[in-house]
Amino acid sequence: MTDVLTPLEYPSDPASPTRRRWVTPGTVAVGLLLLGFALIVVAGVRVPYLATSPGPVTEVHGIVSIDGVESFESDGELYFLTISRPTKSLTLLELFEAWRDPAVDIVDRDLIIAPGQTSDQRRLQNLELMMSSQQIAAAVALDRLGYEVGVVGTGALVAEVLEDSAGFGVIEVNDIVVAIDGEKVEFVDELINAVRSQQVGDTVALTLSRDDELFDVNIVLGESETDPGLPIIGISVANAGSAFDLPVDVNIDAGVVGGSSAGMMLTLAVYDLLTEVDITKGHRIAGTGTMAPDGSVGRIGGIKQKTYGAIGVGAEYILVPDGDYEGALAAAGDDIEVVAVSTIDEALEFLESLPAT
């Protein structure tokens, strides 16, 4: 016979007070709500960092047009590569997401945007670099194709106006002298020679450019203190700049893309459109690198992101400046072939070596 033992019951201690339950479902809900709100607030806090990620990839043939001469279609593609780097500082949440992405680099904002520089100023600066890059690309491509490319100046920039001279109070620093007595002034030497052909006391008519507006002023030539009898306006000048005089009308529409790193690929596209031989040979070729007037290819920023961009569009090759080769190689893996070039001629030689598809 088995005895079944009933559980023992212990009387409650009458001296022990009854405990209240402070942690209720409502309390937990409020706590979680406050914690979630705190996390949202903290995640939205901005930190002084920017994220550099792969940007849009553009097929270059599609943005280049040439008027006045015959152009030719290509069976392959040429791509220029960009980075994306919004100028607004990252939030903590965005910083964490960027840190997890192998294609993204985090950079100190102060290293990219100078103190006091606005986003609009930086955007304008990059667009000006792109405009200059387009001119150089067209000039280098036309030169390699045997066209005669000239250089024209944009005038004589006023760096200083001497007190007590005829120009003082009339001519201002940063004015550009673009003509004298109706004759165009492209470079400083032309202005100096024109003035020295006059006599002290003669009056000359200067055409000035100020804030993109032209106006004329009459100046009575003074006499140099160091060279008696030598006529002077009383200003110090430097070349305002130069531009290429292209024999062919080349139009490049890069949209809102700024910077100068598309120079090499723009050069190749202009060259390809103007030669009957298809330099792509049906391949998909991406690239990046600045272009100098002498045809040399310069280093760029964001090579890792640009390599990822080239891979993303299925390019077979990426042309990069010599100095960026190792960085591109590290990002490329086995997904794309990296080709280092130091000049546009080396880039053309590589394309010529490709087999036809």
Protein backbone atom coordinates (compact mmCIF):
# COMPACT_ATOMS: atom_id res chain seq x y z
CA MET A 1 0.00 0.00 0.00
CA THR A 2 1.37 3.32 -1.06
CA ASP A 3 0.78 6.38 0.99
CA VAL A 4 0.01 9.51 -0.99
CA LEU A 5 1.47 12.49 0.83
CA THR A 6 -0.46 15.68 0.59
CA PRO A 7 1.62 18.87 0.19
CA LEU A 8 2.42 20.66 3.37
CA GLU A 9 0.87 24.09 3.77
CA TYR A 10 2.75 26.72 5.71
CA PRO A 11 0.78 29.49 7.31
CA SER A 12 1.74 32.96 6.17
CA ASP A 13 3.78 34.99 8.53
CA PRO A 14 1.38 37.45 10.04
CA ALA A 15 4.33 39.75 10.70
CA SER A 16 5.26 39.93 6.98
CA PRO A 17 3.55 42.78 5.12
CA THR A 18 1.82 42.14 1.80
CA ARG A 19 4.17 43.13 -1.21
CA ARG A 20 2.73 45.26 -4.01
CA ARG A 21 3.62 44.54 -7.65
CA TRP A 22 5.09 47.81 -9.03
CA VAL A 23 6.14 46.29 -12.42
CA THR A 24 2.90 46.05 -14.33
CA PRO A 25 2.30 45.54 -18.08
CA GLY A 26 1.51 49.24 -18.36
CA THR A 27 4.81 50.19 -16.74
CA VAL A 28 6.75 47.95 -19.15
CA ALA A 29 4.93 49.48 -22.12
CA VAL A 30 5.74 53.02 -21.01
CA GLY A 31 9.38 52.06 -20.43
CA LEU A 32 9.70 50.52 -23.87
CA LEU A 33 8.04 53.56 -25.43
CA LEU A 34 10.48 55.91 -23.69
CA LEU A 35 13.42 53.73 -24.69
CA GLY A 36 12.28 53.68 -28.32
CA PHE A 37 11.85 57.46 -28.29
CA ALA A 38 15.33 57.89 -26.83
CA LEU A 39 16.83 55.62 -29.50
CA ILE A 40 15.07 57.57 -32.24
CA VAL A 41 16.39 60.86 -30.84
CA VAL A 42 19.93 59.52 -30.46
CA ALA A 43 19.89 57.91 -33.93
CA GLY A 44 18.90 61.27 -35.41
CA VAL A 45 21.81 63.13 -33.86
CA ARG A 46 24.16 64.37 -36.57
CA VAL A 47 27.90 63.82 -36.38
CA PRO A 48 30.65 65.64 -38.37
CA TYR A 49 31.14 62.89 -40.96
CA LEU A 50 30.16 62.29 -44.58
CA ALA A 51 29.69 59.03 -46.48
CA THR A 52 31.34 58.40 -49.85
CA SER A 53 29.47 55.78 -51.88
CA PRO A 54 29.33 54.70 -55.55
CA GLY A 55 27.56 57.29 -57.68
CA PRO A 56 25.77 57.22 -61.04
CA VAL A 57 27.59 55.67 -64.00
CA THR A 58 27.21 57.44 -67.36
CA GLU A 59 27.69 56.02 -70.87
CA VAL A 60 29.78 58.76 -72.45
CA HIS A 61 28.83 58.40 -76.13
CA GLY A 62 25.30 59.41 -75.18
CA ILE A 63 26.28 62.81 -73.78
CA VAL A 64 28.69 63.88 -76.54
CA SER A 65 27.56 65.35 -79.86
CA ILE A 66 29.67 66.78 -82.66
CA ASP A 67 28.52 69.28 -85.29
CA GLY A 68 30.01 70.14 -88.65
CA VAL A 69 31.90 66.91 -89.33
CA GLU A 70 30.99 63.27 -89.74
CA SER A 71 30.80 61.18 -86.59
CA PHE A 72 30.62 57.41 -86.18
CA GLU A 73 28.67 55.06 -83.95
CA SER A 74 30.30 52.55 -81.60
CA ASP A 75 29.35 48.94 -80.87
CA GLY A 76 30.76 49.09 -77.34
CA GLU A 77 30.31 51.35 -74.33
CA LEU A 78 32.54 53.85 -72.57
CA TYR A 79 31.52 54.77 -69.03
CA PHE A 80 32.66 57.52 -66.74
CA LEU A 81 32.33 56.90 -63.04
CA THR A 82 31.27 59.11 -60.15
CA ILE A 83 30.93 59.07 -56.40
CA SER A 84 28.00 60.14 -54.27
CA ARG A 85 28.81 62.25 -51.22
CA PRO A 86 25.95 64.39 -49.86
CA THR A 87 27.28 67.38 -47.95
CA LYS A 88 24.81 67.01 -45.07
CA SER A 89 26.42 65.42 -42.01
CA LEU A 90 25.44 61.84 -41.19
CA THR A 91 23.10 60.87 -38.40
CA LEU A 92 24.30 58.21 -35.97
CA LEU A 93 21.99 55.70 -37.65
CA GLU A 94 23.35 56.61 -41.11
CA LEU A 95 26.89 56.41 -39.75
CA PHE A 96 26.25 52.85 -38.53
CA GLU A 97 24.74 51.82 -41.87
CA ALA A 98 27.68 53.33 -43.77
CA TRP A 99 30.17 51.56 -41.48
CA ARG A 100 28.58 48.19 -42.35
CA ASP A 101 28.74 48.75 -46.14
CA PRO A 102 32.08 47.67 -47.70
CA ALA A 103 31.51 50.00 -50.68
CA VAL A 104 31.21 53.10 -48.47
CA ASP A 105 33.95 55.19 -46.87
CA ILE A 106 33.38 57.53 -43.96
CA VAL A 107 35.28 60.83 -44.08
CA ASP A 108 35.66 63.80 -41.78
CA ARG A 109 33.39 66.59 -43.08
CA ASP A 110 36.03 69.27 -42.46
CA LEU A 111 38.40 67.48 -44.84
CA ILE A 112 35.90 67.85 -47.68
CA ILE A 113 34.17 71.16 -47.04
CA ALA A 114 36.35 74.10 -46.06
CA PRO A 115 35.17 76.15 -43.04
CA GLY A 116 32.77 78.82 -44.24
CA GLN A 117 32.23 77.18 -47.63
CA THR A 118 28.59 76.57 -48.49
CA SER A 119 27.26 73.58 -50.38
CA ASP A 120 26.25 75.85 -53.27
CA GLN A 121 29.77 77.28 -53.52
CA ARG A 122 31.28 73.81 -53.61
CA ARG A 123 28.75 72.66 -56.23
CA LEU A 124 29.57 75.67 -58.42
CA GLN A 125 33.29 75.00 -58.05
CA ASN A 126 32.82 71.38 -59.17
CA LEU A 127 30.69 72.42 -62.15
CA GLU A 128 33.43 74.85 -63.24
CA LEU A 129 35.96 72.00 -63.02
CA MET A 130 33.71 69.88 -65.22
CA MET A 131 33.40 72.65 -67.82
CA SER A 132 37.19 73.03 -67.95
CA SER A 133 37.59 69.24 -68.15
CA GLN A 134 35.24 69.11 -71.15
CA GLN A 135 37.27 71.73 -73.02
CA ILE A 136 40.54 69.93 -72.34
CA ALA A 137 39.06 66.55 -73.33
CA ALA A 138 37.85 67.88 -76.68
CA ALA A 139 41.17 69.64 -77.35
CA VAL A 140 43.29 66.57 -76.56
CA ALA A 141 41.10 64.25 -78.65
CA LEU A 142 41.16 66.60 -81.65
CA ASP A 143 44.92 67.06 -81.32
CA ARG A 144 45.45 63.28 -81.36
CA LEU A 145 43.31 63.07 -84.49
CA GLY A 146 45.49 65.61 -86.30
CA TYR A 147 43.31 68.71 -85.98
CA GLU A 148 44.96 72.07 -85.33
CA VAL A 149 43.89 73.27 -81.88
CA GLY A 150 44.56 76.89 -80.93
CA VAL A 151 44.65 78.62 -77.56
CA VAL A 152 42.94 81.95 -76.91
CA GLY A 153 43.29 84.19 -73.87
CA THR A 154 40.44 85.75 -71.94
CA GLY A 155 42.08 89.11 -71.24
CA ALA A 156 44.35 90.87 -68.76
CA LEU A 157 43.26 90.58 -65.12
CA VAL A 158 43.83 93.67 -62.97
CA ALA A 159 45.74 92.71 -59.83
CA GLU A 160 46.53 96.23 -58.54
CA VAL A 161 45.62 99.86 -59.30
CA LEU A 162 48.27 102.46 -58.39
CA GLU A 163 47.15 105.46 -56.39
CA ASP A 164 47.38 108.81 -58.17
CA SER A 165 47.25 107.04 -61.55
CA ALA A 166 44.61 107.83 -64.15
CA GLY A 167 43.07 104.43 -63.54
CA PHE A 168 42.66 104.90 -59.77
CA GLY A 169 38.99 105.12 -58.84
CA VAL A 170 37.94 104.06 -62.34
CA ILE A 171 39.50 100.63 -62.76
CA GLU A 172 39.04 98.09 -59.97
CA VAL A 173 40.99 95.03 -58.87
CA ASN A 174 39.64 91.89 -60.63
CA ASP A 175 38.47 93.89 -63.65
CA ILE A 176 39.53 92.23 -66.92
CA VAL A 177 40.84 94.35 -69.80
CA VAL A 178 39.45 92.70 -72.94
CA ALA A 179 40.20 95.43 -75.50
CA ILE A 180 42.19 98.62 -76.01
CA ASP A 181 41.12 101.17 -78.63
CA GLY A 182 38.81 98.54 -80.08
CA GLU A 183 41.56 95.93 -80.50
CA LYS A 184 40.97 92.64 -78.69
CA VAL A 185 43.24 91.84 -75.72
CA GLU A 186 43.70 88.12 -75.04
CA PHE A 187 46.99 88.14 -73.14
CA VAL A 188 48.95 90.60 -71.01
CA ASP A 189 51.67 91.11 -73.64
CA GLU A 190 49.12 92.45 -76.10
CA LEU A 191 47.97 95.11 -73.63
CA ILE A 192 51.54 96.11 -72.71
CA ASN A 193 52.61 96.41 -76.35
CA ALA A 194 49.55 98.49 -77.20
CA VAL A 195 50.20 100.91 -74.32
CA ARG A 196 53.91 101.24 -75.11
CA SER A 197 53.10 102.16 -78.70
CA GLN A 198 51.45 105.33 -77.36
CA GLN A 199 52.89 108.51 -75.81
CA VAL A 200 52.66 109.81 -72.26
CA GLY A 201 49.53 111.98 -72.13
CA ASP A 202 47.69 110.09 -74.87
CA THR A 203 44.16 108.88 -74.17
CA VAL A 204 43.28 105.22 -74.68
CA ALA A 205 39.87 103.54 -74.56
CA LEU A 206 39.82 100.38 -72.46
CA THR A 207 37.01 97.84 -72.61
CA LEU A 208 36.64 96.24 -69.20
CA SER A 209 34.72 93.19 -68.02
CA ARG A 210 33.35 93.44 -64.48
CA ASP A 211 30.86 90.96 -63.04
CA ASP A 212 30.26 89.63 -66.58
CA GLU A 213 29.30 93.10 -67.87
CA LEU A 214 31.32 95.06 -70.44
CA PHE A 215 31.90 98.83 -70.34
CA ASP A 216 34.39 101.34 -71.75
CA VAL A 217 36.57 103.86 -69.92
CA ASN A 218 38.96 106.49 -71.26
CA ILE A 219 42.34 106.67 -69.56
CA VAL A 220 45.05 109.33 -69.96
CA LEU A 221 48.37 107.51 -69.94
CA GLY A 222 50.79 108.48 -67.18
CA GLU A 223 54.57 108.24 -67.01
CA SER A 224 56.57 105.50 -65.33
CA GLU A 225 58.53 106.64 -62.27
CA THR A 226 61.35 104.21 -63.02
CA ASP A 227 61.47 104.61 -66.81
CA PRO A 228 61.04 108.25 -67.86
CA GLY A 229 59.03 108.64 -71.04
CA LEU A 230 57.44 105.19 -70.74
CA PRO A 231 53.59 105.45 -70.85
CA ILE A 232 51.60 103.49 -68.27
CA ILE A 233 47.98 103.00 -67.28
CA GLY A 234 48.92 102.57 -63.63
CA ILE A 235 47.80 99.00 -63.13
CA SER A 236 49.43 95.61 -62.53
CA VAL A 237 47.98 92.82 -64.64
CA ALA A 238 48.18 89.06 -65.16
CA ASN A 239 46.69 86.73 -67.75
CA ALA A 240 43.04 86.19 -66.86
CA GLY A 241 43.05 82.69 -68.30
CA SER A 242 42.95 80.84 -71.56
CA ALA A 243 40.61 78.67 -73.56
CA PHE A 244 40.98 76.37 -76.53
CA ASP A 245 40.02 77.45 -80.02
CA LEU A 246 38.53 74.22 -81.37
CA PRO A 247 38.17 73.65 -85.11
CA VAL A 248 35.23 71.29 -84.48
CA ASP A 249 32.08 72.04 -82.49
CA VAL A 250 32.07 69.49 -79.65
CA ASN A 251 29.13 69.53 -77.23
CA ILE A 252 29.18 67.63 -73.94
CA ASP A 253 26.16 67.53 -71.65
CA ALA A 254 27.19 66.10 -68.28
CA GLY A 255 24.12 67.44 -66.49
CA VAL A 256 24.72 68.19 -62.82
CA VAL A 257 27.86 66.05 -62.59
CA GLY A 258 30.82 68.10 -61.40
CA GLY A 259 34.55 67.64 -60.97
CA SER A 260 37.32 66.81 -63.40
CA SER A 261 37.75 63.04 -63.01
CA ALA A 262 35.72 62.23 -66.15
CA GLY A 263 38.34 63.90 -68.36
CA MET A 264 40.01 60.77 -69.72
CA MET A 265 36.75 59.04 -70.64
CA LEU A 266 35.36 62.19 -72.27
CA THR A 267 38.54 62.37 -74.34
CA LEU A 268 38.15 58.75 -75.46
CA ALA A 269 34.49 59.32 -76.36
CA VAL A 270 35.26 62.37 -78.53
CA TYR A 271 38.11 60.46 -80.18
CA ASP A 272 35.89 57.42 -80.80
CA LEU A 273 33.08 59.45 -82.34
CA LEU A 274 35.45 61.15 -84.77
CA THR A 275 37.29 58.07 -85.99
CA GLU A 276 35.79 55.43 -88.24
CA VAL A 277 37.61 52.71 -86.30
CA ASP A 278 35.59 51.64 -83.25
CA ILE A 279 38.13 51.85 -80.42
CA THR A 280 35.85 49.92 -78.05
CA LYS A 281 35.71 46.90 -80.38
CA GLY A 282 32.35 46.06 -78.82
CA HIS A 283 33.60 45.93 -75.22
CA ARG A 284 32.17 47.59 -72.12
CA ILE A 285 34.93 49.83 -70.76
CA ALA A 286 34.75 52.06 -67.70
CA GLY A 287 37.36 54.50 -66.52
CA THR A 288 38.32 57.50 -64.45
CA GLY A 289 41.12 60.04 -64.47
CA THR A 290 41.67 63.75 -65.03
CA MET A 291 42.99 64.95 -68.39
CA ALA A 292 45.74 67.56 -68.77
CA PRO A 293 46.31 69.55 -71.98
CA ASP A 294 49.50 67.54 -72.63
CA GLY A 295 47.52 64.28 -72.56
CA SER A 296 48.64 63.06 -69.14
CA VAL A 297 46.13 61.28 -66.91
CA GLY A 298 45.90 62.48 -63.30
CA ARG A 299 44.82 60.84 -60.06
CA ILE A 300 41.29 61.07 -58.72
CA GLY A 301 39.41 60.50 -55.48
CA GLY A 302 36.98 57.73 -54.55
CA ILE A 303 38.67 54.98 -56.56
CA LYS A 304 37.10 52.22 -54.46
CA GLN A 305 33.57 53.53 -55.02
CA LYS A 306 34.19 54.05 -58.73
CA THR A 307 35.48 50.51 -59.10
CA TYR A 308 32.31 49.19 -57.46
CA GLY A 309 30.32 51.37 -59.87
CA ALA A 310 32.13 49.89 -62.87
CA ILE A 311 31.42 46.38 -61.62
CA GLY A 312 27.78 47.29 -61.11
CA VAL A 313 27.23 48.14 -64.80
CA GLY A 314 28.99 44.99 -65.97
CA ALA A 315 32.10 46.68 -67.40
CA GLU A 316 34.86 44.27 -68.45
CA TYR A 317 37.71 46.72 -67.89
CA ILE A 318 38.35 49.80 -65.78
CA LEU A 319 41.03 52.28 -66.85
CA VAL A 320 42.59 54.11 -63.90
CA PRO A 321 45.52 56.49 -63.30
CA ASP A 322 48.79 54.82 -62.30
CA GLY A 323 48.59 56.24 -58.79
CA ASP A 324 45.13 54.74 -58.19
CA TYR A 325 45.92 51.26 -59.48
CA GLU A 326 46.42 49.53 -56.13
CA GLY A 327 43.22 50.96 -54.68
CA ALA A 328 41.21 49.87 -57.72
CA LEU A 329 42.81 46.43 -57.67
CA ALA A 330 41.85 45.90 -54.02
CA ALA A 331 38.20 46.73 -54.76
CA ALA A 332 38.02 44.85 -58.07
CA GLY A 333 38.68 41.32 -56.86
CA ASP A 334 37.94 38.95 -59.72
CA ASP A 335 34.98 40.97 -60.98
CA ILE A 336 36.76 43.35 -63.39
CA GLU A 337 40.18 43.81 -64.99
CA VAL A 338 42.05 46.91 -63.83
CA VAL A 339 44.28 48.71 -66.35
CA ALA A 340 46.68 51.45 -65.22
CA VAL A 341 47.48 54.29 -67.65
CA SER A 342 49.51 57.49 -67.31
CA THR A 343 48.59 59.15 -70.63
CA ILE A 344 45.75 59.15 -73.13
CA ASP A 345 48.11 57.51 -75.60
CA GLU A 346 48.55 54.52 -73.27
CA ALA A 347 44.77 54.25 -72.95
CA LEU A 348 44.41 54.24 -76.76
CA GLU A 349 47.17 51.65 -77.08
CA PHE A 350 45.38 49.36 -74.62
CA LEU A 351 42.08 49.69 -76.48
CA GLU A 352 43.84 48.94 -79.75
CA SER A 353 45.18 45.69 -78.22
CA LEU A 354 41.70 44.40 -77.36
CA PRO A 355 40.25 41.57 -79.45
CA ALA A 356 37.10 42.33 -81.40
CA THR A 357 33.94 40.87 -79.89
